Amino acid sequence: MNRPLATMADAAEGAWCAVRGGRPRHFVARMRRDVRAVKERDPAATSSFEIVTSYSGLHALWLHRVAHPLYRCGVPVVPRWISQVNRFLTGIEIHPGAQIGEGFFIDHGSGVVIGETTEIGDNVTLYQGVTLGGTGKEHGKRHPTLGDNVVVGSGASVLGSIKVGANAKIGSGTVVVHDVPANATVVGNPGHPVVVDGQRVGIPDIDYTHLPDPVAEAIKCVVERIIALENELDEIDPSRKDRRRSRIVANQAALDRLLHLDDFTDGGGI
C-alpha cells in the first residue's frame, strides 16, 4: 500500500474506532496520557475521575480526536459539525484540520480558538483566551506551528504561518506575528523576545518599580519656571509682591471654601 493510501487507511481506522466507541490499545493509551498531562500541570486536579468528568479542555481534545480523522478522510460536513458541537459544549473551537500532538493541555479553556492549519507539538499548554489564528484570506499554511513544550499564556494571540520554537513561553496578552526562537520568552504587542536560553535580551535590567514619571517631571518643570518668572517680576516691580501675596491668600480661601463639604453639597462644586 502506498503512503497516501496507508495514511487514509490509518485515519479511517481511527475515525471508525472513535465513532463506534471501540477501544484500540493506542486510543486508550492516548487518553491516559491526556489525563496524566492534566495531573502533571494543574495543581487543582485531585483525581482522574474529576479530570475526566470536569475538564472542558480535555473534552474538547477528545472530541477533536474524533473529528480530525474524519476530516483527513475527506468526510464532508460531519467534522465541522463535531467541532461546532465541541464549541457549544466546551467554549473551545478547534478546527478539525488542526494537528495536535501528545500531552496537549488546555487549562480552563474558555475562548480558545485553534485554526485549520495549526500544528501543535507534544506537551504544549494553552491557557484561556488563546488564539492560534491566521492573518488574512490567504490559502495554504496560514496558521502557526508550535514546537514541543510550548506554553501560551491567557489572552495571547499567535497569528500567521509562523514557527514557535520548542520550550518557548508566550506571555499573557502577547500578540505574536513573527517566528519565536526555541527556549525564548516573548511578551508585548507585537511580541518580542525578552529572554533567550536564560539570558535577558533587547532591554537593560531596569528596576521597573522606580521608573520616572515623564508627566510629573514636565509639570514640575512648568511650576519651577512660573515661580522663577514671578520672582523676576517682583524684582522689576517690588510693589506687585504684596498684591500677589494678597491674591494667593484670596485664592486659597476660595479653594478652601469650595472644598468644604457643606458648600459642596449646596452646589459649590469643586
Protein backbone atom coordinates (compact mmCIF):
# COMPACT_ATOMS: atom_id res chain seq x y z
CA MET A 1 0.00 0.00 0.00
CA ASN A 2 1.44 3.39 -0.96
CA ARG A 3 1.88 6.15 1.62
CA PRO A 4 -1.25 8.25 0.85
CA LEU A 5 -3.47 5.18 0.94
CA ALA A 6 -1.83 3.99 4.14
CA THR A 7 -2.39 7.37 5.75
CA MET A 8 -6.03 7.37 4.68
CA ALA A 9 -6.47 3.84 5.98
CA ASP A 10 -5.00 4.74 9.35
CA ALA A 11 -7.24 7.79 9.55
CA ALA A 12 -10.30 5.78 8.59
CA GLU A 13 -9.50 3.14 11.20
CA GLY A 14 -9.05 5.77 13.90
CA ALA A 15 -12.25 7.56 12.93
CA TRP A 16 -14.25 4.33 12.84
CA CYS A 17 -12.93 3.29 16.24
CA ALA A 18 -13.84 6.68 17.66
CA VAL A 19 -17.33 6.68 16.15
CA ARG A 20 -18.28 3.14 17.12
CA GLY A 21 -16.82 3.51 20.61
CA GLY A 22 -14.08 0.95 20.06
CA ARG A 23 -11.10 0.86 22.41
CA PRO A 24 -7.92 0.03 20.49
CA ARG A 25 -4.83 -0.05 22.66
CA HIS A 26 -3.27 3.13 21.25
CA PHE A 27 -6.51 5.09 21.67
CA VAL A 28 -6.82 4.20 25.35
CA ALA A 29 -3.12 4.91 25.88
CA ARG A 30 -3.53 8.39 24.42
CA MET A 31 -6.50 9.09 26.68
CA ARG A 32 -4.49 8.02 29.71
CA ARG A 33 -1.63 10.27 28.66
CA ASP A 34 -4.06 13.17 28.28
CA VAL A 35 -5.31 12.64 31.83
CA ARG A 36 -1.74 12.34 33.11
CA ALA A 37 -0.83 15.64 31.41
CA VAL A 38 -3.61 17.40 33.31
CA LYS A 39 -2.44 15.91 36.61
CA GLU A 40 1.13 17.00 35.98
CA ARG A 41 0.31 20.60 35.01
CA ASP A 42 -2.76 21.55 37.05
CA PRO A 43 -2.30 21.60 40.83
CA ALA A 44 -6.07 21.89 41.23
CA ALA A 45 -6.62 18.41 39.77
CA THR A 46 -7.39 16.00 42.62
CA SER A 47 -8.30 12.75 40.86
CA SER A 48 -8.61 11.10 37.47
CA PHE A 49 -12.38 10.91 37.92
CA GLU A 50 -12.61 14.67 38.44
CA ILE A 51 -10.41 15.32 35.40
CA VAL A 52 -12.38 13.04 33.09
CA THR A 53 -15.75 14.42 34.16
CA SER A 54 -14.97 18.11 34.75
CA TYR A 55 -12.22 19.39 32.47
CA SER A 56 -13.58 21.08 29.35
CA GLY A 57 -10.13 21.27 27.77
CA LEU A 58 -9.86 17.50 27.93
CA HIS A 59 -13.34 17.04 26.48
CA ALA A 60 -12.50 19.42 23.64
CA LEU A 61 -9.36 17.47 22.84
CA TRP A 62 -11.18 14.15 22.77
CA LEU A 63 -13.93 15.48 20.50
CA HIS A 64 -11.22 16.82 18.20
CA ARG A 65 -9.69 13.34 18.15
CA VAL A 66 -12.99 12.13 16.69
CA ALA A 67 -13.33 14.96 14.15
CA HIS A 68 -9.72 15.06 12.89
CA PRO A 69 -9.55 11.56 11.34
CA LEU A 70 -12.88 12.14 9.61
CA TYR A 71 -11.53 15.41 8.21
CA ARG A 72 -8.39 13.67 6.95
CA CYS A 73 -10.55 11.07 5.21
CA GLY A 74 -12.43 13.79 3.37
CA VAL A 75 -15.77 13.20 5.09
CA PRO A 76 -17.90 16.27 4.27
CA VAL A 77 -19.61 18.49 6.85
CA VAL A 78 -19.56 16.00 9.75
CA PRO A 79 -16.15 17.03 11.13
CA ARG A 80 -17.25 20.68 11.22
CA TRP A 81 -20.47 19.68 12.93
CA ILE A 82 -18.45 17.89 15.59
CA SER A 83 -16.21 20.93 16.05
CA GLN A 84 -19.25 23.20 16.45
CA VAL A 85 -20.79 20.84 19.00
CA ASN A 86 -17.40 20.89 20.70
CA ARG A 87 -17.50 24.69 20.76
CA PHE A 88 -21.05 24.74 22.14
CA LEU A 89 -20.25 22.28 24.92
CA THR A 90 -16.79 23.48 25.95
CA GLY A 91 -16.37 27.05 24.69
CA ILE A 92 -13.28 25.89 22.78
CA GLU A 93 -13.15 25.99 18.99
CA ILE A 94 -10.70 23.61 17.32
CA HIS A 95 -10.88 23.28 13.56
CA PRO A 96 -10.93 19.57 12.65
CA GLY A 97 -7.93 20.11 10.37
CA ALA A 98 -5.61 21.17 13.21
CA GLN A 99 -2.81 18.71 14.02
CA ILE A 100 -2.28 18.24 17.75
CA GLY A 101 0.48 16.20 19.38
CA GLU A 102 0.54 14.14 22.56
CA GLY A 103 0.22 15.52 26.08
CA PHE A 104 -1.75 18.58 24.95
CA PHE A 105 -3.37 20.54 27.79
CA ILE A 106 -5.85 23.44 27.67
CA ASP A 107 -6.15 24.97 31.14
CA HIS A 108 -9.63 26.42 31.82
CA GLY A 109 -10.02 26.75 28.05
CA SER A 110 -12.85 29.22 27.56
CA GLY A 111 -12.37 31.26 24.40
CA VAL A 112 -9.53 29.21 22.90
CA VAL A 113 -9.51 29.18 19.08
CA ILE A 114 -7.25 26.90 17.03
CA GLY A 115 -7.20 27.35 13.24
CA GLU A 116 -7.29 24.80 10.44
CA THR A 117 -3.60 24.56 9.51
CA THR A 118 -2.26 24.85 13.06
CA GLU A 119 0.36 22.29 14.03
CA ILE A 120 0.99 21.66 17.72
CA GLY A 121 3.85 19.56 19.10
CA ASP A 122 3.95 17.40 22.20
CA ASN A 123 3.33 18.58 25.77
CA VAL A 124 2.02 22.01 24.77
CA THR A 125 -0.04 24.05 27.25
CA LEU A 126 -2.59 26.74 26.33
CA TYR A 127 -4.45 28.94 28.78
CA GLN A 128 -7.86 30.57 28.37
CA GLY A 129 -8.49 33.03 25.57
CA VAL A 130 -5.58 31.91 23.38
CA THR A 131 -5.94 32.33 19.61
CA LEU A 132 -3.84 30.34 17.16
CA GLY A 133 -5.14 32.08 14.05
CA GLY A 134 -4.44 33.45 10.61
CA THR A 135 -3.86 36.99 9.41
CA GLY A 136 -5.93 37.17 6.24
CA LYS A 137 -7.69 35.27 3.47
CA GLU A 138 -4.62 33.54 2.08
CA HIS A 139 -4.78 29.83 1.33
CA GLY A 140 -2.42 27.05 2.28
CA LYS A 141 -0.46 27.10 5.53
CA ARG A 142 -1.78 30.19 7.30
CA HIS A 143 -1.72 29.25 10.97
CA PRO A 144 1.16 28.84 13.41
CA THR A 145 3.32 25.82 14.18
CA LEU A 146 4.13 25.26 17.85
CA GLY A 147 7.11 23.14 18.89
CA ASP A 148 7.25 20.77 21.84
CA ASN A 149 6.79 22.00 25.42
CA VAL A 150 5.49 25.45 24.40
CA VAL A 151 3.39 27.42 26.92
CA VAL A 152 1.00 30.14 25.71
CA GLY A 153 -0.40 32.48 28.36
CA SER A 154 -4.01 33.60 28.69
CA GLY A 155 -5.31 36.04 26.08
CA ALA A 156 -2.28 35.64 23.81
CA SER A 157 -2.63 35.59 20.02
CA VAL A 158 -0.23 33.74 17.73
CA LEU A 159 -1.08 34.78 14.19
CA GLY A 160 0.02 33.68 10.75
CA SER A 161 2.20 30.91 9.36
CA ILE A 162 4.97 31.37 11.92
CA LYS A 163 7.00 28.94 13.97
CA VAL A 164 7.30 28.93 17.74
CA GLY A 165 10.38 27.01 18.82
CA ALA A 166 10.46 24.24 21.40
CA ASN A 167 10.29 25.21 25.09
CA ALA A 168 9.20 28.78 24.26
CA LYS A 169 6.93 30.74 26.59
CA ILE A 170 4.48 33.38 25.35
CA GLY A 171 3.25 35.85 27.95
CA SER A 172 -0.38 36.68 28.64
CA GLY A 173 -1.87 39.18 26.21
CA THR A 174 1.06 38.92 23.81
CA VAL A 175 0.45 39.24 20.07
CA VAL A 176 2.99 37.15 18.16
CA VAL A 177 3.36 37.77 14.43
CA HIS A 178 7.00 36.69 13.89
CA ASP A 179 8.90 33.46 14.44
CA VAL A 180 9.91 32.73 18.02
CA PRO A 181 13.27 31.04 18.71
CA ALA A 182 13.48 27.96 20.89
CA ASN A 183 13.87 28.45 24.66
CA ALA A 184 12.62 32.06 24.42
CA THR A 185 10.17 34.08 26.48
CA VAL A 186 8.09 36.50 24.39
CA VAL A 187 5.99 39.44 25.61
CA GLY A 188 4.41 42.60 24.20
CA ASN A 189 2.44 43.75 21.18
CA PRO A 190 3.92 42.89 18.80
CA GLY A 191 5.64 40.14 20.72
CA HIS A 192 9.40 40.29 21.12
CA PRO A 193 11.81 38.01 22.98
CA VAL A 194 12.98 39.25 26.37
CA VAL A 195 14.73 36.04 27.43
CA VAL A 196 16.50 33.51 25.19
CA ASP A 197 18.31 30.49 26.65
CA GLY A 198 18.01 32.02 30.10
CA GLN A 199 19.66 35.32 29.13
CA ARG A 200 17.86 38.68 29.00
CA VAL A 201 17.88 40.28 25.57
CA GLY A 202 16.75 43.54 24.00
CA ILE A 203 16.35 45.62 27.17
CA PRO A 204 18.59 46.54 30.12
CA ASP A 205 17.99 45.27 33.61
CA ILE A 206 15.68 48.06 34.80
CA ASP A 207 14.09 48.46 38.22
CA TYR A 208 10.51 48.70 36.98
CA THR A 209 9.14 49.68 40.41
CA HIS A 210 11.02 53.01 40.31
CA LEU A 211 10.64 54.22 36.75
CA PRO A 212 10.47 58.03 36.23
CA ASP A 213 7.11 59.68 35.57
CA PRO A 214 7.58 61.95 32.50
CA VAL A 215 4.25 63.77 33.05
CA ALA A 216 5.08 64.61 36.65
CA GLU A 217 8.56 65.74 35.62
CA ALA A 218 7.10 68.06 32.94
CA ILE A 219 4.61 69.61 35.39
CA LYS A 220 7.41 70.11 37.92
CA CYS A 221 9.46 71.99 35.30
CA VAL A 222 6.48 74.23 34.42
CA VAL A 223 5.84 75.07 38.09
CA GLU A 224 9.50 75.87 38.68
CA ARG A 225 9.52 78.18 35.64
CA ILE A 226 6.36 80.01 36.82
CA ILE A 227 7.94 80.60 40.24
CA ALA A 228 11.10 81.94 38.59
CA LEU A 229 9.06 84.32 36.42
CA GLU A 230 7.08 85.54 39.43
CA ASN A 231 10.29 86.30 41.29
CA GLU A 232 11.73 88.15 38.29
CA LEU A 233 8.58 90.30 38.06
CA ASP A 234 8.79 91.05 41.79
CA GLU A 235 12.33 92.33 41.27
CA ILE A 236 11.20 94.56 38.40
CA ASP A 237 8.14 95.89 40.25
CA PRO A 238 8.50 95.40 44.03
CA SER A 239 5.01 96.86 44.62
CA ARG A 240 3.32 93.86 42.96
CA LYS A 241 4.79 91.48 45.53
CA ASP A 242 2.23 92.46 48.18
CA ARG A 243 -0.60 92.34 45.63
CA ARG A 244 0.47 88.87 44.53
CA ARG A 245 0.55 87.64 48.09
CA SER A 246 -2.93 89.01 48.77
CA ARG A 247 -4.25 87.26 45.64
CA ILE A 248 -2.68 84.00 46.77
CA VAL A 249 -4.40 84.32 50.17
CA ALA A 250 -7.75 85.10 48.49
CA ASN A 251 -7.41 82.19 46.07
CA GLN A 252 -6.53 79.80 48.87
CA ALA A 253 -9.56 80.96 50.87
CA ALA A 254 -11.83 80.42 47.85
CA LEU A 255 -10.37 76.98 47.30
CA ASP A 256 -10.89 76.04 50.95
CA ARG A 257 -14.48 77.24 50.74
CA LEU A 258 -15.23 75.29 47.57
CA LEU A 259 -13.73 72.14 49.01
CA HIS A 260 -15.75 72.43 52.21
CA LEU A 261 -18.35 69.67 52.42
CA ASP A 262 -21.29 71.97 53.23
CA ASP A 263 -20.55 74.31 50.32
CA PHE A 264 -20.10 71.31 48.02
CA THR A 265 -23.49 69.83 48.88
CA ASP A 266 -25.08 73.29 48.45
CA GLY A 267 -23.92 73.40 44.84
CA GLY A 268 -20.50 74.97 45.23
CA GLY A 269 -18.83 72.14 43.30
CA ILE A 270 -15.11 71.67 43.26
